[in-house]
PDB file of all heavy atoms in Angstrom:
ATOM      1  N   ILE A   1      -4.690  24.043-101.482  1.00  0.00           N
ATOM      2  CA  ILE A   1      -4.930  23.067-100.346  1.00  0.00           C
ATOM      3  C   ILE A   1      -3.885  23.052 -99.407  1.00  0.00           C
ATOM      4  O   ILE A   1      -2.763  23.303 -99.680  1.00  0.00           O
ATOM      5  CB  ILE A   1      -5.421  21.745-100.903  1.00  0.00           C
ATOM      6  CG1 ILE A   1      -4.328  21.160-101.619  1.00  0.00           C
ATOM      7  CG2 ILE A   1      -6.666  21.894-101.537  1.00  0.00           C
ATOM      8  CD1 ILE A   1      -4.672  19.782-102.218  1.00  0.00           C
ATOM      9  N   PHE A   2      -4.226  22.608 -98.145  1.00  0.00           N
ATOM     10  CA  PHE A   2      -3.124  22.437 -97.071  1.00  0.00           C
ATOM     11  C   PHE A   2      -2.431  23.733 -96.746  1.00  0.00           C
ATOM     12  O   PHE A   2      -1.191  23.600 -96.579  1.00  0.00           O
ATOM     13  CB  PHE A   2      -2.202  21.257 -97.247  1.00  0.00           C
ATOM     14  CG  PHE A   2      -2.834  19.937 -97.455  1.00  0.00           C
ATOM     15  CD1 PHE A   2      -2.891  19.214 -98.700  1.00  0.00           C
ATOM     16  CD2 PHE A   2      -3.415  19.314 -96.428  1.00  0.00           C
ATOM     17  CE1 PHE A   2      -3.420  18.050 -98.796  1.00  0.00           C
ATOM     18  CE2 PHE A   2      -4.156  18.012 -96.440  1.00  0.00           C
ATOM     19  CZ  PHE A   2      -4.023  17.395 -97.673  1.00  0.00           C
ATOM     20  N   ARG A   3      -3.117  24.828 -96.775  1.00  0.00           N
ATOM     21  CA  ARG A   3      -2.571  26.094 -96.469  1.00  0.00           C
ATOM     22  C   ARG A   3      -3.230  26.751 -95.358  1.00  0.00           C
ATOM     23  O   ARG A   3      -4.516  26.574 -95.022  1.00  0.00           O
ATOM     24  CB  ARG A   3      -2.708  27.045 -97.716  1.00  0.00           C
ATOM     25  CG  ARG A   3      -2.049  26.628 -98.875  1.00  0.00           C
ATOM     26  CD  ARG A   3      -2.173  27.444-100.145  1.00  0.00           C
ATOM     27  NE  ARG A   3      -3.123  28.612 -99.879  1.00  0.00           N
ATOM     28  CZ  ARG A   3      -2.813  29.802-100.527  1.00  0.00           C
ATOM     29  NH1 ARG A   3      -1.966  29.840-101.391  1.00  0.00           N
ATOM     30  NH2 ARG A   3      -3.698  30.952-100.401  1.00  0.00           N
ATOM     31  N   GLN A   4      -2.527  27.497 -94.589  1.00  0.00           N
ATOM     32  CA  GLN A   4      -2.989  28.264 -93.471  1.00  0.00           C
ATOM     33  C   GLN A   4      -2.277  29.537 -93.255  1.00  0.00           C
ATOM     34  O   GLN A   4      -1.009  29.620 -93.372  1.00  0.00           O
ATOM     35  CB  GLN A   4      -2.921  27.414 -92.295  1.00  0.00           C
ATOM     36  CG  GLN A   4      -3.376  28.019 -90.932  1.00  0.00           C
ATOM     37  CD  GLN A   4      -3.283  27.058 -89.772  1.00  0.00           C
ATOM     38  OE1 GLN A   4      -3.263  25.900 -89.882  1.00  0.00           O
ATOM     39  NE2 GLN A   4      -3.144  27.533 -88.556  1.00  0.00           N
ATOM     40  N   THR A   5      -3.008  30.570 -92.923  1.00  0.00           N
ATOM     41  CA  THR A   5      -2.366  31.862 -92.752  1.00  0.00           C
ATOM     42  C   THR A   5      -1.586  31.750 -91.339  1.00  0.00           C
ATOM     43  O   THR A   5      -2.185  31.302 -90.368  1.00  0.00           O
ATOM     44  CB  THR A   5      -3.364  33.035 -92.596  1.00  0.00           C
ATOM     45  OG1 THR A   5      -3.978  33.012 -93.933  1.00  0.00           O
ATOM     46  CG2 THR A   5      -2.636  34.296 -92.265  1.00  0.00           C
ATOM     47  N   ASP A   6      -0.294  32.275 -91.360  1.00  0.00           N
ATOM     48  CA  ASP A   6       0.490  32.284 -90.060  1.00  0.00           C
ATOM     49  C   ASP A   6       0.658  30.767 -89.500  1.00  0.00           C
ATOM     50  O   ASP A   6       0.684  30.753 -88.275  1.00  0.00           O
ATOM     51  CB  ASP A   6      -0.071  33.242 -89.098  1.00  0.00           C
ATOM     52  CG  ASP A   6       0.087  34.610 -89.625  1.00  0.00           C
ATOM     53  OD1 ASP A   6       1.032  34.900 -90.184  1.00  0.00           O
ATOM     54  OD2 ASP A   6      -0.705  35.569 -89.181  1.00  0.00           O
ATOM     55  N   ALA A   7       0.728  29.868 -90.292  1.00  0.00           N
ATOM     56  CA  ALA A   7       0.857  28.454 -89.745  1.00  0.00           C
ATOM     57  C   ALA A   7       2.166  28.256 -88.884  1.00  0.00           C
ATOM     58  O   ALA A   7       2.164  27.471 -87.937  1.00  0.00           O
ATOM     59  CB  ALA A   7       0.887  27.507 -90.852  1.00  0.00           C
ATOM     60  N   TYR A   8       3.205  29.073 -89.084  1.00  0.00           N
ATOM     61  CA  TYR A   8       4.368  28.938 -88.324  1.00  0.00           C
ATOM     62  C   TYR A   8       4.790  30.125 -87.642  1.00  0.00           C
ATOM     63  O   TYR A   8       5.816  30.399 -87.211  1.00  0.00           O
ATOM     64  CB  TYR A   8       5.547  28.587 -89.306  1.00  0.00           C
ATOM     65  CG  TYR A   8       5.371  27.413 -90.230  1.00  0.00           C
ATOM     66  CD1 TYR A   8       4.963  27.424 -91.579  1.00  0.00           C
ATOM     67  CD2 TYR A   8       5.371  26.160 -89.588  1.00  0.00           C
ATOM     68  CE1 TYR A   8       4.696  26.371 -92.233  1.00  0.00           C
ATOM     69  CE2 TYR A   8       5.051  25.088 -90.312  1.00  0.00           C
ATOM     70  CZ  TYR A   8       4.685  25.148 -91.710  1.00  0.00           C
ATOM     71  OH  TYR A   8       4.383  23.937 -92.412  1.00  0.00           O
ATOM     72  N   THR A   9       3.784  30.997 -87.461  1.00  0.00           N
ATOM     73  CA  THR A   9       3.956  32.279 -86.686  1.00  0.00           C
ATOM     74  C   THR A   9       3.538  32.110 -85.228  1.00  0.00           C
ATOM     75  O   THR A   9       2.497  31.547 -84.890  1.00  0.00           O
ATOM     76  CB  THR A   9       3.123  33.500 -87.242  1.00  0.00           C
ATOM     77  OG1 THR A   9       3.510  33.490 -88.684  1.00  0.00           O
ATOM     78  CG2 THR A   9       3.354  34.742 -86.649  1.00  0.00           C
ATOM     79  N   ILE A  10       4.518  32.626 -84.396  1.00  0.00           N
ATOM     80  CA  ILE A  10       4.195  32.576 -82.931  1.00  0.00           C
ATOM     81  C   ILE A  10       3.531  33.844 -82.512  1.00  0.00           C
ATOM     82  O   ILE A  10       4.092  34.927 -82.812  1.00  0.00           O
ATOM     83  CB  ILE A  10       5.525  32.286 -82.040  1.00  0.00           C
ATOM     84  CG1 ILE A  10       6.167  30.985 -82.500  1.00  0.00           C
ATOM     85  CG2 ILE A  10       5.175  32.438 -80.607  1.00  0.00           C
ATOM     86  CD1 ILE A  10       7.547  30.814 -82.018  1.00  0.00           C
ATOM     87  N   LYS A  11       2.358  33.791 -82.039  1.00  0.00           N
ATOM     88  CA  LYS A  11       1.706  35.066 -81.609  1.00  0.00           C
ATOM     89  C   LYS A  11       2.167  35.400 -80.148  1.00  0.00           C
ATOM     90  O   LYS A  11       1.765  34.607 -79.204  1.00  0.00           O
ATOM     91  CB  LYS A  11       0.167  34.803 -81.720  1.00  0.00           C
ATOM     92  CG  LYS A  11      -0.153  34.619 -83.150  1.00  0.00           C
ATOM     93  CD  LYS A  11      -1.468  35.245 -83.612  1.00  0.00           C
ATOM     94  CE  LYS A  11      -1.586  35.278 -84.981  1.00  0.00           C
ATOM     95  NZ  LYS A  11      -2.376  34.244 -85.659  1.00  0.00           N
ATOM     96  N   GLU A  12       2.702  36.450 -79.930  1.00  0.00           N
ATOM     97  CA  GLU A  12       3.199  36.879 -78.630  1.00  0.00           C
ATOM     98  C   GLU A  12       1.888  37.316 -77.875  1.00  0.00           C
ATOM     99  O   GLU A  12       0.970  37.800 -78.343  1.00  0.00           O
ATOM    100  CB  GLU A  12       4.214  37.955 -78.758  1.00  0.00           C
ATOM    101  CG  GLU A  12       5.442  37.483 -79.540  1.00  0.00           C
ATOM    102  CD  GLU A  12       6.349  36.539 -78.765  1.00  0.00           C
ATOM    103  OE1 GLU A  12       6.028  36.212 -77.609  1.00  0.00           O
ATOM    104  OE2 GLU A  12       7.234  35.974 -79.359  1.00  0.00           O
ATOM    105  N   PRO A  13       2.078  37.450 -76.457  1.00  0.00           N
ATOM    106  CA  PRO A  13       0.989  37.841 -75.673  1.00  0.00           C
ATOM    107  C   PRO A  13       0.516  39.271 -75.897  1.00  0.00           C
ATOM    108  O   PRO A  13      -0.559  39.622 -75.794  1.00  0.00           O
ATOM    109  CB  PRO A  13       1.530  37.755 -74.198  1.00  0.00           C
ATOM    110  CG  PRO A  13       2.603  36.811 -74.256  1.00  0.00           C
ATOM    111  CD  PRO A  13       3.139  36.885 -75.678  1.00  0.00           C
ATOM    112  N   ASP A  14       1.472  40.193 -76.418  1.00  0.00           N
ATOM    113  CA  ASP A  14       1.095  41.585 -76.795  1.00  0.00           C
ATOM    114  C   ASP A  14       0.430  41.727 -78.184  1.00  0.00           C
ATOM    115  O   ASP A  14       0.249  42.722 -78.546  1.00  0.00           O
ATOM    116  CB  ASP A  14       2.423  42.474 -76.584  1.00  0.00           C
ATOM    117  CG  ASP A  14       3.439  42.227 -77.562  1.00  0.00           C
ATOM    118  OD1 ASP A  14       3.341  41.258 -78.380  1.00  0.00           O
ATOM    119  OD2 ASP A  14       4.414  42.891 -77.554  1.00  0.00           O
ATOM    120  N   GLY A  15       0.341  40.547 -78.818  1.00  0.00           N
ATOM    121  CA  GLY A  15      -0.212  40.572 -80.258  1.00  0.00           C
ATOM    122  C   GLY A  15       0.663  40.569 -81.343  1.00  0.00           C
ATOM    123  O   GLY A  15       0.291  40.544 -82.501  1.00  0.00           O
ATOM    124  N   THR A  16       2.104  40.902 -81.161  1.00  0.00           N
ATOM    125  CA  THR A  16       2.949  40.903 -82.137  1.00  0.00           C
ATOM    126  C   THR A  16       3.183  39.553 -82.759  1.00  0.00           C
ATOM    127  O   THR A  16       2.914  38.486 -81.971  1.00  0.00           O
ATOM    128  CB  THR A  16       4.281  41.477 -81.753  1.00  0.00           C
ATOM    129  OG1 THR A  16       4.872  40.745 -80.648  1.00  0.00           O
ATOM    130  CG2 THR A  16       4.147  42.942 -81.268  1.00  0.00           C
ATOM    131  N   ARG A  17       3.760  39.460 -83.879  1.00  0.00           N
ATOM    132  CA  ARG A  17       4.015  38.143 -84.590  1.00  0.00           C
ATOM    133  C   ARG A  17       5.544  37.913 -84.617  1.00  0.00           C
ATOM    134  O   ARG A  17       6.338  38.649 -85.027  1.00  0.00           O
ATOM    135  CB  ARG A  17       3.599  38.244 -86.018  1.00  0.00           C
ATOM    136  CG  ARG A  17       2.138  38.449 -86.163  1.00  0.00           C
ATOM    137  CD  ARG A  17       1.670  38.915 -87.559  1.00  0.00           C
ATOM    138  NE  ARG A  17       1.956  37.872 -88.574  1.00  0.00           N
ATOM    139  CZ  ARG A  17       2.642  38.041 -89.555  1.00  0.00           C
ATOM    140  NH1 ARG A  17       3.111  39.251 -89.919  1.00  0.00           N
ATOM    141  NH2 ARG A  17       2.944  37.064 -90.485  1.00  0.00           N
ATOM    142  N   ASN A  18       5.857  36.667 -83.987  1.00  0.00           N
ATOM    143  CA  ASN A  18       7.321  36.381 -83.825  1.00  0.00           C
ATOM    144  C   ASN A  18       7.492  35.334 -85.094  1.00  0.00           C
ATOM    145  O   ASN A  18       6.812  34.344 -85.126  1.00  0.00           O
ATOM    146  CB  ASN A  18       7.444  35.708 -82.613  1.00  0.00           C
ATOM    147  CG  ASN A  18       8.902  35.125 -82.431  1.00  0.00           C
ATOM    148  OD1 ASN A  18       9.598  34.791 -83.419  1.00  0.00           O
ATOM    149  ND2 ASN A  18       9.298  35.081 -81.134  1.00  0.00           N
ATOM    150  N   LEU A  19       8.321  35.705 -85.924  1.00  0.00           N
ATOM    151  CA  LEU A  19       8.627  35.002 -87.184  1.00  0.00           C
ATOM    152  C   LEU A  19       9.780  34.061 -87.234  1.00  0.00           C
ATOM    153  O   LEU A  19      10.204  33.679 -88.243  1.00  0.00           O
ATOM    154  CB  LEU A  19       8.674  35.860 -88.374  1.00  0.00           C
ATOM    155  CG  LEU A  19       7.451  36.800 -88.640  1.00  0.00           C
ATOM    156  CD1 LEU A  19       7.657  37.870 -89.687  1.00  0.00           C
ATOM    157  CD2 LEU A  19       6.234  36.021 -88.867  1.00  0.00           C
ATOM    158  N   ILE A  20      10.330  33.812 -85.996  1.00  0.00           N
ATOM    159  CA  ILE A  20      11.653  32.983 -85.922  1.00  0.00           C
ATOM    160  C   ILE A  20      11.496  31.613 -86.566  1.00  0.00           C
ATOM    161  O   ILE A  20      12.419  31.157 -87.221  1.00  0.00           O
ATOM    162  CB  ILE A  20      12.093  32.916 -84.514  1.00  0.00           C
ATOM    163  CG1 ILE A  20      13.462  32.473 -84.434  1.00  0.00           C
ATOM    164  CG2 ILE A  20      11.170  32.126 -83.656  1.00  0.00           C
ATOM    165  CD1 ILE A  20      14.138  32.593 -83.126  1.00  0.00           C
ATOM    166  N   LEU A  21      10.362  30.937 -86.508  1.00  0.00           N
ATOM    167  CA  LEU A  21      10.229  29.572 -87.083  1.00  0.00           C
ATOM    168  C   LEU A  21      10.138  29.794 -88.601  1.00  0.00           C
ATOM    169  O   LEU A  21      10.793  29.026 -89.342  1.00  0.00           O
ATOM    170  CB  LEU A  21       8.980  28.923 -86.586  1.00  0.00           C
ATOM    171  CG  LEU A  21       8.985  28.469 -85.182  1.00  0.00           C
ATOM    172  CD1 LEU A  21       7.582  27.791 -84.733  1.00  0.00           C
ATOM    173  CD2 LEU A  21       9.988  27.367 -84.904  1.00  0.00           C
ATOM    174  N   GLU A  22       9.352  30.673 -89.026  1.00  0.00           N
ATOM    175  CA  GLU A  22       9.266  30.992 -90.555  1.00  0.00           C
ATOM    176  C   GLU A  22      10.559  31.345 -91.134  1.00  0.00           C
ATOM    177  O   GLU A  22      10.946  30.868 -92.187  1.00  0.00           O
ATOM    178  CB  GLU A  22       8.301  32.112 -90.762  1.00  0.00           C
ATOM    179  CG  GLU A  22       7.937  32.252 -92.265  1.00  0.00           C
ATOM    180  CD  GLU A  22       6.848  33.154 -92.558  1.00  0.00           C
ATOM    181  OE1 GLU A  22       6.041  33.542 -91.678  1.00  0.00           O
ATOM    182  OE2 GLU A  22       6.746  33.579 -93.690  1.00  0.00           O
ATOM    183  N   LYS A  23      11.419  32.110 -90.446  1.00  0.00           N
ATOM    184  CA  LYS A  23      12.660  32.534 -90.998  1.00  0.00           C
ATOM    185  C   LYS A  23      13.597  31.387 -90.931  1.00  0.00           C
ATOM    186  O   LYS A  23      14.315  31.238 -91.878  1.00  0.00           O
ATOM    187  CB  LYS A  23      13.240  33.668 -90.130  1.00  0.00           C
ATOM    188  CG  LYS A  23      12.408  35.005 -90.429  1.00  0.00           C
ATOM    189  CD  LYS A  23      12.991  36.124 -89.490  1.00  0.00           C
ATOM    190  CE  LYS A  23      12.316  37.403 -89.853  1.00  0.00           C
ATOM    191  NZ  LYS A  23      12.516  38.434 -88.888  1.00  0.00           N
ATOM    192  N   GLY A  24      13.510  30.525 -89.998  1.00  0.00           N
ATOM    193  CA  GLY A  24      14.406  29.361 -89.799  1.00  0.00           C
ATOM    194  C   GLY A  24      14.091  28.290 -90.935  1.00  0.00           C
ATOM    195  O   GLY A  24      14.944  27.714 -91.513  1.00  0.00           O
ATOM    196  N   LEU A  25      12.777  28.204 -91.279  1.00  0.00           N
ATOM    197  CA  LEU A  25      12.411  27.282 -92.345  1.00  0.00           C
ATOM    198  C   LEU A  25      12.845  27.794 -93.823  1.00  0.00           C
ATOM    199  O   LEU A  25      12.968  26.954 -94.623  1.00  0.00           O
ATOM    200  CB  LEU A  25      10.912  27.081 -92.397  1.00  0.00           C
ATOM    201  CG  LEU A  25      10.378  26.267 -91.163  1.00  0.00           C
ATOM    202  CD1 LEU A  25       8.825  26.351 -91.104  1.00  0.00           C
ATOM    203  CD2 LEU A  25      10.814  24.852 -91.229  1.00  0.00           C
TER     204      LEU A  25
END
């Protein structure tokens, strides 16, 4: 429960995944 795929992933306009928040956490 209380889970979500890519909850802290920033989706860039070109479709790539920016993981800076996840890495910081």
